[in-house]
Amino acid sequence: MLGSITFIGPCKNPIAFTLKGTLKAPSNPSVMNKEQWISFRYVTGLVVNGGGTFDGNGVTPNSNPLPITPSYVQIKDITYKNIWGTSSTKLAAGLQCSKRLPCKNIVLNNINLVHLGPEGFALSLCSNVNGASYGRQTPASCL
């Protein structure tokens, strides 16, 4: 079980985050001291791979939505590779970037995220994202 964690750069790229096994979120989100479970900040050229599983444990950290504010961060040159897991919500994958600073050169390679709830199959949603997808894509890629 893993509480909140943030990986902070800057770092020389490329940076590889390799997950072998399962990272499981706490069943009680109030034990986390942050809004995010796992986050990467100030990292260029991040590659997430390893064939492991992120298990969000079916909980939402906060039932009150955060206010939408303009982004001052651009996400670019990121590869998500061999990502497997389950989603507690129908929206299993979301890449929502700002119009002012769109996400660039995003690569999805062999993604398998399933939703087992009564709402039906998992979905993905992309806004203002440039990139490509390869291999298995569940849910269907929005790129």
N, C-alpha and C. Protein backbone atom coordinates (compact mmCIF):
# COMPACT_ATOMS: atom_id res chain seq x y z
N MET A 1 0.85 -1.17 0.00
CA MET A 1 0.00 0.00 0.00
C MET A 1 0.90 1.23 0.00
N LEU A 2 0.51 2.22 -0.77
CA LEU A 2 1.31 3.43 -0.93
C LEU A 2 0.46 4.64 -0.64
N GLY A 3 0.92 5.51 0.26
CA GLY A 3 0.26 6.79 0.51
C GLY A 3 0.64 7.77 -0.59
N SER A 4 0.40 9.05 -0.37
CA SER A 4 0.72 10.08 -1.36
C SER A 4 2.22 10.17 -1.59
N ILE A 5 2.59 10.33 -2.85
CA ILE A 5 4.01 10.49 -3.18
C ILE A 5 4.13 11.41 -4.39
N THR A 6 5.14 12.29 -4.35
CA THR A 6 5.42 13.20 -5.45
C THR A 6 6.88 13.05 -5.83
N PHE A 7 7.14 12.84 -7.12
CA PHE A 7 8.49 12.80 -7.65
C PHE A 7 8.76 14.17 -8.26
N ILE A 8 9.81 14.85 -7.81
CA ILE A 8 10.06 16.22 -8.23
C ILE A 8 11.41 16.33 -8.93
N GLY A 9 11.42 16.97 -10.11
CA GLY A 9 12.64 17.25 -10.84
C GLY A 9 13.16 18.62 -10.48
N PRO A 10 14.00 19.24 -11.27
CA PRO A 10 14.36 18.79 -12.61
C PRO A 10 15.37 17.66 -12.56
N CYS A 11 15.33 16.84 -13.60
CA CYS A 11 16.24 15.71 -13.73
C CYS A 11 16.72 15.67 -15.18
N LYS A 12 17.89 15.07 -15.39
CA LYS A 12 18.34 14.86 -16.77
C LYS A 12 17.45 13.79 -17.39
N ASN A 13 16.97 14.05 -18.59
CA ASN A 13 16.07 13.09 -19.21
C ASN A 13 16.83 12.16 -20.13
N PRO A 14 16.27 11.02 -20.48
CA PRO A 14 14.93 10.58 -20.11
C PRO A 14 14.91 9.99 -18.70
N ILE A 15 13.76 10.07 -18.07
CA ILE A 15 13.52 9.52 -16.74
C ILE A 15 12.56 8.35 -16.90
N ALA A 16 12.93 7.20 -16.36
CA ALA A 16 12.07 6.01 -16.45
C ALA A 16 11.50 5.68 -15.08
N PHE A 17 10.18 5.52 -15.02
CA PHE A 17 9.51 5.04 -13.81
C PHE A 17 9.04 3.64 -14.15
N THR A 18 9.65 2.64 -13.54
CA THR A 18 9.34 1.25 -13.84
C THR A 18 8.54 0.65 -12.71
N LEU A 19 7.36 0.14 -13.04
CA LEU A 19 6.48 -0.47 -12.04
C LEU A 19 6.36 -1.96 -12.35
N LYS A 20 6.84 -2.77 -11.43
CA LYS A 20 6.70 -4.23 -11.53
C LYS A 20 5.98 -4.66 -10.28
N GLY A 21 4.76 -5.10 -10.43
CA GLY A 21 3.94 -5.43 -9.27
C GLY A 21 2.74 -4.51 -9.21
N THR A 22 2.21 -4.30 -8.01
CA THR A 22 1.00 -3.50 -7.84
C THR A 22 1.23 -2.42 -6.80
N LEU A 23 0.91 -1.17 -7.16
CA LEU A 23 0.85 -0.07 -6.19
C LEU A 23 -0.61 0.11 -5.83
N LYS A 24 -0.94 -0.02 -4.56
CA LYS A 24 -2.33 0.06 -4.13
C LYS A 24 -2.52 1.28 -3.24
N ALA A 25 -3.55 2.07 -3.57
CA ALA A 25 -3.87 3.25 -2.77
C ALA A 25 -4.52 2.83 -1.45
N PRO A 26 -4.41 3.67 -0.42
CA PRO A 26 -5.09 3.36 0.84
C PRO A 26 -6.60 3.28 0.64
N SER A 27 -7.26 2.40 1.38
CA SER A 27 -8.72 2.30 1.27
C SER A 27 -9.41 3.50 1.89
N ASN A 28 -8.73 4.22 2.76
CA ASN A 28 -9.28 5.43 3.38
C ASN A 28 -8.48 6.62 2.86
N PRO A 29 -9.04 7.41 1.92
CA PRO A 29 -8.28 8.51 1.33
C PRO A 29 -7.93 9.61 2.32
N SER A 30 -8.58 9.66 3.47
CA SER A 30 -8.28 10.73 4.43
C SER A 30 -6.88 10.57 5.04
N VAL A 31 -6.26 9.40 4.91
CA VAL A 31 -4.91 9.22 5.44
C VAL A 31 -3.86 9.85 4.52
N MET A 32 -4.27 10.23 3.31
CA MET A 32 -3.34 10.90 2.41
C MET A 32 -3.38 12.39 2.71
N ASN A 33 -2.22 13.02 2.69
CA ASN A 33 -2.15 14.44 3.01
C ASN A 33 -2.17 15.33 1.78
N LYS A 34 -2.45 14.78 0.62
CA LYS A 34 -2.46 15.55 -0.62
C LYS A 34 -3.68 15.17 -1.45
N GLU A 35 -3.99 15.99 -2.43
CA GLU A 35 -5.09 15.71 -3.35
C GLU A 35 -4.73 14.62 -4.35
N GLN A 36 -3.41 14.45 -4.63
CA GLN A 36 -2.98 13.46 -5.60
C GLN A 36 -2.42 12.25 -4.88
N TRP A 37 -2.60 11.11 -5.47
CA TRP A 37 -2.02 9.89 -4.93
C TRP A 37 -0.57 9.78 -5.39
N ILE A 38 -0.34 9.84 -6.70
CA ILE A 38 1.00 9.77 -7.27
C ILE A 38 1.13 10.92 -8.26
N SER A 39 2.18 11.72 -8.14
CA SER A 39 2.36 12.81 -9.10
C SER A 39 3.83 12.99 -9.45
N PHE A 40 4.06 13.50 -10.66
CA PHE A 40 5.40 13.81 -11.15
C PHE A 40 5.40 15.30 -11.46
N ARG A 41 6.41 16.02 -10.97
CA ARG A 41 6.49 17.47 -11.22
C ARG A 41 7.87 17.84 -11.73
N TYR A 42 7.90 18.76 -12.68
CA TYR A 42 9.15 19.29 -13.22
C TYR A 42 10.03 18.19 -13.80
N VAL A 43 9.41 17.26 -14.52
CA VAL A 43 10.13 16.14 -15.12
C VAL A 43 9.91 16.19 -16.63
N THR A 44 10.99 16.19 -17.39
CA THR A 44 10.94 16.17 -18.85
C THR A 44 11.36 14.80 -19.35
N GLY A 45 10.66 14.27 -20.33
CA GLY A 45 11.02 12.99 -20.92
C GLY A 45 10.69 11.80 -20.05
N LEU A 46 9.56 11.85 -19.36
CA LEU A 46 9.16 10.76 -18.46
C LEU A 46 8.64 9.57 -19.25
N VAL A 47 9.12 8.38 -18.91
CA VAL A 47 8.63 7.13 -19.47
C VAL A 47 8.13 6.28 -18.31
N VAL A 48 6.85 5.89 -18.36
CA VAL A 48 6.26 5.02 -17.34
C VAL A 48 6.09 3.65 -17.98
N ASN A 49 6.73 2.61 -17.40
CA ASN A 49 6.66 1.28 -18.00
C ASN A 49 6.77 0.21 -16.92
N GLY A 50 6.88 -1.04 -17.34
CA GLY A 50 7.14 -2.13 -16.42
C GLY A 50 6.07 -3.18 -16.33
N GLY A 51 4.89 -2.91 -16.83
CA GLY A 51 3.84 -3.92 -16.80
C GLY A 51 3.15 -4.08 -15.46
N GLY A 52 3.40 -3.19 -14.51
CA GLY A 52 2.75 -3.27 -13.20
C GLY A 52 1.35 -2.69 -13.22
N THR A 53 0.74 -2.61 -12.03
CA THR A 53 -0.64 -2.16 -11.91
C THR A 53 -0.74 -1.03 -10.88
N PHE A 54 -1.44 0.04 -11.26
CA PHE A 54 -1.83 1.09 -10.33
C PHE A 54 -3.24 0.75 -9.87
N ASP A 55 -3.43 0.46 -8.60
CA ASP A 55 -4.75 0.12 -8.07
C ASP A 55 -5.22 1.27 -7.19
N GLY A 56 -6.12 2.09 -7.74
CA GLY A 56 -6.65 3.23 -7.01
C GLY A 56 -7.58 2.86 -5.89
N ASN A 57 -7.87 1.59 -5.75
CA ASN A 57 -8.66 1.05 -4.64
C ASN A 57 -10.11 1.53 -4.65
N GLY A 58 -10.56 2.06 -5.78
CA GLY A 58 -11.97 2.41 -5.92
C GLY A 58 -12.45 3.57 -5.10
N VAL A 59 -11.54 4.44 -4.64
CA VAL A 59 -11.95 5.57 -3.81
C VAL A 59 -11.57 6.88 -4.48
N THR A 60 -12.28 7.93 -4.12
CA THR A 60 -12.02 9.27 -4.59
C THR A 60 -11.47 10.08 -3.44
N PRO A 61 -10.34 10.78 -3.61
CA PRO A 61 -9.75 11.48 -2.48
C PRO A 61 -10.59 12.63 -1.95
N ASN A 62 -11.42 13.24 -2.79
CA ASN A 62 -12.18 14.39 -2.33
C ASN A 62 -13.46 14.47 -3.16
N SER A 63 -14.59 14.50 -2.50
CA SER A 63 -15.85 14.57 -3.24
C SER A 63 -16.16 15.97 -3.73
N ASN A 64 -15.44 16.98 -3.23
CA ASN A 64 -15.65 18.36 -3.68
C ASN A 64 -14.71 18.65 -4.84
N PRO A 65 -15.24 18.96 -6.02
CA PRO A 65 -14.37 19.22 -7.16
C PRO A 65 -13.53 20.47 -6.94
N LEU A 66 -12.30 20.44 -7.46
CA LEU A 66 -11.43 21.60 -7.35
C LEU A 66 -11.83 22.64 -8.39
N PRO A 67 -11.61 23.94 -8.09
CA PRO A 67 -11.92 24.96 -9.08
C PRO A 67 -10.99 24.84 -10.28
N ILE A 68 -11.51 25.17 -11.45
CA ILE A 68 -10.71 25.13 -12.66
C ILE A 68 -9.95 26.44 -12.78
N THR A 69 -8.63 26.35 -12.87
CA THR A 69 -7.79 27.52 -12.98
C THR A 69 -6.91 27.38 -14.22
N PRO A 70 -6.45 28.50 -14.80
CA PRO A 70 -5.60 28.41 -15.99
C PRO A 70 -4.31 27.67 -15.67
N SER A 71 -3.85 26.89 -16.64
CA SER A 71 -2.61 26.13 -16.46
C SER A 71 -1.42 26.96 -16.89
N TYR A 72 -0.34 26.83 -16.13
CA TYR A 72 0.92 27.46 -16.49
C TYR A 72 1.99 26.39 -16.73
N VAL A 73 1.55 25.16 -16.95
CA VAL A 73 2.45 24.03 -17.14
C VAL A 73 2.14 23.38 -18.48
N GLN A 74 3.18 23.09 -19.24
CA GLN A 74 2.99 22.34 -20.48
C GLN A 74 3.58 20.95 -20.30
N ILE A 75 2.80 19.96 -20.64
CA ILE A 75 3.23 18.57 -20.58
C ILE A 75 3.65 18.18 -21.99
N LYS A 76 4.87 17.65 -22.12
CA LYS A 76 5.35 17.27 -23.45
C LYS A 76 6.37 16.14 -23.34
N ASP A 77 6.51 15.41 -24.45
CA ASP A 77 7.49 14.34 -24.57
C ASP A 77 7.33 13.29 -23.47
N ILE A 78 6.10 12.79 -23.30
CA ILE A 78 5.81 11.78 -22.29
C ILE A 78 5.35 10.50 -22.98
N THR A 79 5.87 9.36 -22.53
CA THR A 79 5.45 8.05 -23.03
C THR A 79 4.86 7.25 -21.89
N TYR A 80 3.64 6.76 -22.09
CA TYR A 80 3.00 5.83 -21.16
C TYR A 80 3.05 4.47 -21.83
N LYS A 81 3.74 3.51 -21.20
CA LYS A 81 3.98 2.23 -21.86
C LYS A 81 3.65 1.08 -20.91
N ASN A 82 2.89 0.10 -21.44
CA ASN A 82 2.53 -1.11 -20.67
C ASN A 82 1.86 -0.76 -19.34
N ILE A 83 0.80 0.04 -19.42
CA ILE A 83 0.04 0.43 -18.24
C ILE A 83 -1.19 -0.46 -18.16
N TRP A 84 -1.36 -1.16 -17.02
CA TRP A 84 -2.47 -2.08 -16.81
C TRP A 84 -3.14 -1.75 -15.49
N GLY A 85 -4.45 -1.89 -15.43
CA GLY A 85 -5.12 -1.68 -14.15
C GLY A 85 -6.62 -1.57 -14.30
N THR A 86 -7.26 -1.23 -13.19
CA THR A 86 -8.71 -1.03 -13.16
C THR A 86 -9.01 0.39 -12.76
N SER A 87 -10.17 0.86 -13.15
CA SER A 87 -10.61 2.21 -12.82
C SER A 87 -11.91 2.13 -12.03
N SER A 88 -12.00 2.94 -10.99
CA SER A 88 -13.23 2.97 -10.20
C SER A 88 -14.32 3.79 -10.89
N THR A 89 -13.94 4.55 -11.93
CA THR A 89 -14.91 5.35 -12.67
C THR A 89 -14.90 4.94 -14.14
N LYS A 90 -15.96 5.29 -14.84
CA LYS A 90 -16.05 4.95 -16.26
C LYS A 90 -14.96 5.65 -17.06
N LEU A 91 -14.59 6.87 -16.66
CA LEU A 91 -13.50 7.59 -17.32
C LEU A 91 -12.18 7.05 -16.76
N ALA A 92 -11.57 6.14 -17.49
CA ALA A 92 -10.36 5.46 -17.02
C ALA A 92 -9.08 6.22 -17.36
N ALA A 93 -9.10 6.98 -18.44
CA ALA A 93 -7.90 7.71 -18.86
C ALA A 93 -8.31 9.09 -19.34
N GLY A 94 -7.71 10.11 -18.76
CA GLY A 94 -8.01 11.47 -19.14
C GLY A 94 -6.76 12.30 -19.32
N LEU A 95 -6.62 12.90 -20.48
CA LEU A 95 -5.54 13.84 -20.76
C LEU A 95 -6.20 15.15 -21.13
N GLN A 96 -6.32 16.02 -20.17
CA GLN A 96 -7.02 17.28 -20.39
C GLN A 96 -6.03 18.42 -20.21
N CYS A 97 -5.62 18.98 -21.32
CA CYS A 97 -4.59 20.02 -21.33
C CYS A 97 -5.22 21.35 -21.73
N SER A 98 -4.52 22.43 -21.44
CA SER A 98 -5.07 23.76 -21.71
C SER A 98 -4.89 24.13 -23.18
N LYS A 99 -5.76 25.01 -23.67
CA LYS A 99 -5.64 25.51 -25.04
C LYS A 99 -4.38 26.36 -25.17
N ARG A 100 -4.06 27.09 -24.11
CA ARG A 100 -2.90 27.99 -24.13
C ARG A 100 -1.58 27.21 -24.19
N LEU A 101 -1.51 26.09 -23.44
CA LEU A 101 -0.32 25.26 -23.40
C LEU A 101 -0.71 23.80 -23.62
N PRO A 102 -1.01 23.42 -24.88
CA PRO A 102 -1.46 22.05 -25.14
C PRO A 102 -0.36 21.03 -24.85
N CYS A 103 -0.77 19.80 -24.57
CA CYS A 103 0.17 18.70 -24.38
C CYS A 103 0.73 18.31 -25.75
N LYS A 104 2.03 18.05 -25.82
CA LYS A 104 2.68 17.75 -27.09
C LYS A 104 3.49 16.46 -26.99
N ASN A 105 3.49 15.72 -28.08
CA ASN A 105 4.29 14.51 -28.22
C ASN A 105 4.02 13.51 -27.09
N ILE A 106 2.74 13.21 -26.88
CA ILE A 106 2.32 12.22 -25.90
C ILE A 106 2.19 10.88 -26.62
N VAL A 107 2.77 9.82 -26.06
CA VAL A 107 2.72 8.50 -26.67
C VAL A 107 2.05 7.53 -25.70
N LEU A 108 1.02 6.84 -26.19
CA LEU A 108 0.36 5.77 -25.44
C LEU A 108 0.71 4.46 -26.12
N ASN A 109 1.37 3.54 -25.38
CA ASN A 109 1.83 2.29 -25.96
C ASN A 109 1.42 1.14 -25.05
N ASN A 110 0.49 0.31 -25.53
CA ASN A 110 -0.01 -0.84 -24.78
C ASN A 110 -0.64 -0.44 -23.45
N ILE A 111 -1.83 0.11 -23.53
CA ILE A 111 -2.59 0.55 -22.36
C ILE A 111 -3.79 -0.37 -22.19
N ASN A 112 -4.02 -0.85 -20.96
CA ASN A 112 -5.17 -1.71 -20.69
C ASN A 112 -5.76 -1.31 -19.33
N LEU A 113 -6.75 -0.42 -19.37
CA LEU A 113 -7.44 0.04 -18.16
C LEU A 113 -8.91 -0.35 -18.29
N VAL A 114 -9.42 -1.12 -17.36
CA VAL A 114 -10.80 -1.58 -17.44
C VAL A 114 -11.62 -1.01 -16.30
N HIS A 115 -12.90 -0.87 -16.57
CA HIS A 115 -13.87 -0.43 -15.56
C HIS A 115 -14.86 -1.57 -15.37
N LEU A 116 -15.00 -2.02 -14.14
CA LEU A 116 -15.86 -3.17 -13.85
C LEU A 116 -17.22 -2.76 -13.30
N GLY A 117 -17.51 -1.48 -13.28
CA GLY A 117 -18.76 -1.00 -12.71
C GLY A 117 -19.95 -1.19 -13.64
N PRO A 118 -21.15 -0.91 -13.13
CA PRO A 118 -22.37 -1.12 -13.90
C PRO A 118 -22.57 -0.11 -15.02
N GLU A 119 -21.74 0.95 -15.07
CA GLU A 119 -21.93 2.00 -16.08
C GLU A 119 -21.48 1.56 -17.47
N GLY A 120 -20.79 0.44 -17.59
CA GLY A 120 -20.34 -0.03 -18.89
C GLY A 120 -18.83 0.04 -19.04
N PHE A 121 -18.39 -0.02 -20.29
CA PHE A 121 -16.97 -0.07 -20.59
C PHE A 121 -16.26 1.23 -20.22
N ALA A 122 -14.95 1.14 -20.01
CA ALA A 122 -14.12 2.31 -19.71
C ALA A 122 -14.02 3.22 -20.93
N LEU A 123 -13.84 4.50 -20.67
CA LEU A 123 -13.69 5.51 -21.71
C LEU A 123 -12.41 6.30 -21.49
N SER A 124 -11.95 6.96 -22.56
CA SER A 124 -10.83 7.90 -22.45
C SER A 124 -11.28 9.24 -22.99
N LEU A 125 -10.65 10.31 -22.52
CA LEU A 125 -11.00 11.66 -22.93
C LEU A 125 -9.73 12.48 -23.08
N CYS A 126 -9.56 13.11 -24.24
CA CYS A 126 -8.40 13.97 -24.49
C CYS A 126 -8.89 15.35 -24.92
N SER A 127 -8.24 16.37 -24.39
CA SER A 127 -8.51 17.75 -24.80
C SER A 127 -7.17 18.44 -25.02
N ASN A 128 -6.99 19.01 -26.20
CA ASN A 128 -5.80 19.79 -26.52
C ASN A 128 -4.52 18.97 -26.36
N VAL A 129 -4.52 17.76 -26.95
CA VAL A 129 -3.39 16.84 -26.84
C VAL A 129 -2.93 16.44 -28.24
N ASN A 130 -1.62 16.46 -28.46
CA ASN A 130 -1.00 16.02 -29.70
C ASN A 130 -0.16 14.79 -29.38
N GLY A 131 -0.36 13.71 -30.13
CA GLY A 131 0.43 12.52 -29.86
C GLY A 131 -0.02 11.35 -30.71
N ALA A 132 0.41 10.15 -30.29
CA ALA A 132 0.10 8.94 -31.04
C ALA A 132 -0.08 7.78 -30.07
N SER A 133 -0.79 6.76 -30.56
CA SER A 133 -0.98 5.56 -29.75
C SER A 133 -0.59 4.34 -30.57
N TYR A 134 -0.03 3.33 -29.86
CA TYR A 134 0.45 2.12 -30.50
C TYR A 134 0.04 0.92 -29.65
N GLY A 135 -0.06 -0.24 -30.30
CA GLY A 135 -0.35 -1.47 -29.58
C GLY A 135 -1.77 -1.50 -29.04
N ARG A 136 -1.97 -2.26 -27.98
CA ARG A 136 -3.29 -2.41 -27.37
C ARG A 136 -3.72 -1.09 -26.73
N GLN A 137 -5.00 -0.74 -26.93
CA GLN A 137 -5.54 0.50 -26.36
C GLN A 137 -6.92 0.22 -25.78
N THR A 138 -6.97 -0.04 -24.48
CA THR A 138 -8.23 -0.21 -23.77
C THR A 138 -8.22 0.71 -22.57
N PRO A 139 -9.11 1.70 -22.56
CA PRO A 139 -10.14 2.01 -23.55
C PRO A 139 -9.54 2.52 -24.85
N ALA A 140 -10.36 2.63 -25.88
CA ALA A 140 -9.89 3.13 -27.16
C ALA A 140 -9.20 4.47 -26.96
N SER A 141 -8.07 4.65 -27.62
CA SER A 141 -7.28 5.86 -27.47
C SER A 141 -8.06 7.08 -27.94
N CYS A 142 -7.89 8.17 -27.24
CA CYS A 142 -8.53 9.43 -27.64
C CYS A 142 -7.54 10.31 -28.41
N LEU A 143 -6.35 9.81 -28.67
CA LEU A 143 -5.36 10.59 -29.44
C LEU A 143 -5.62 10.47 -30.92
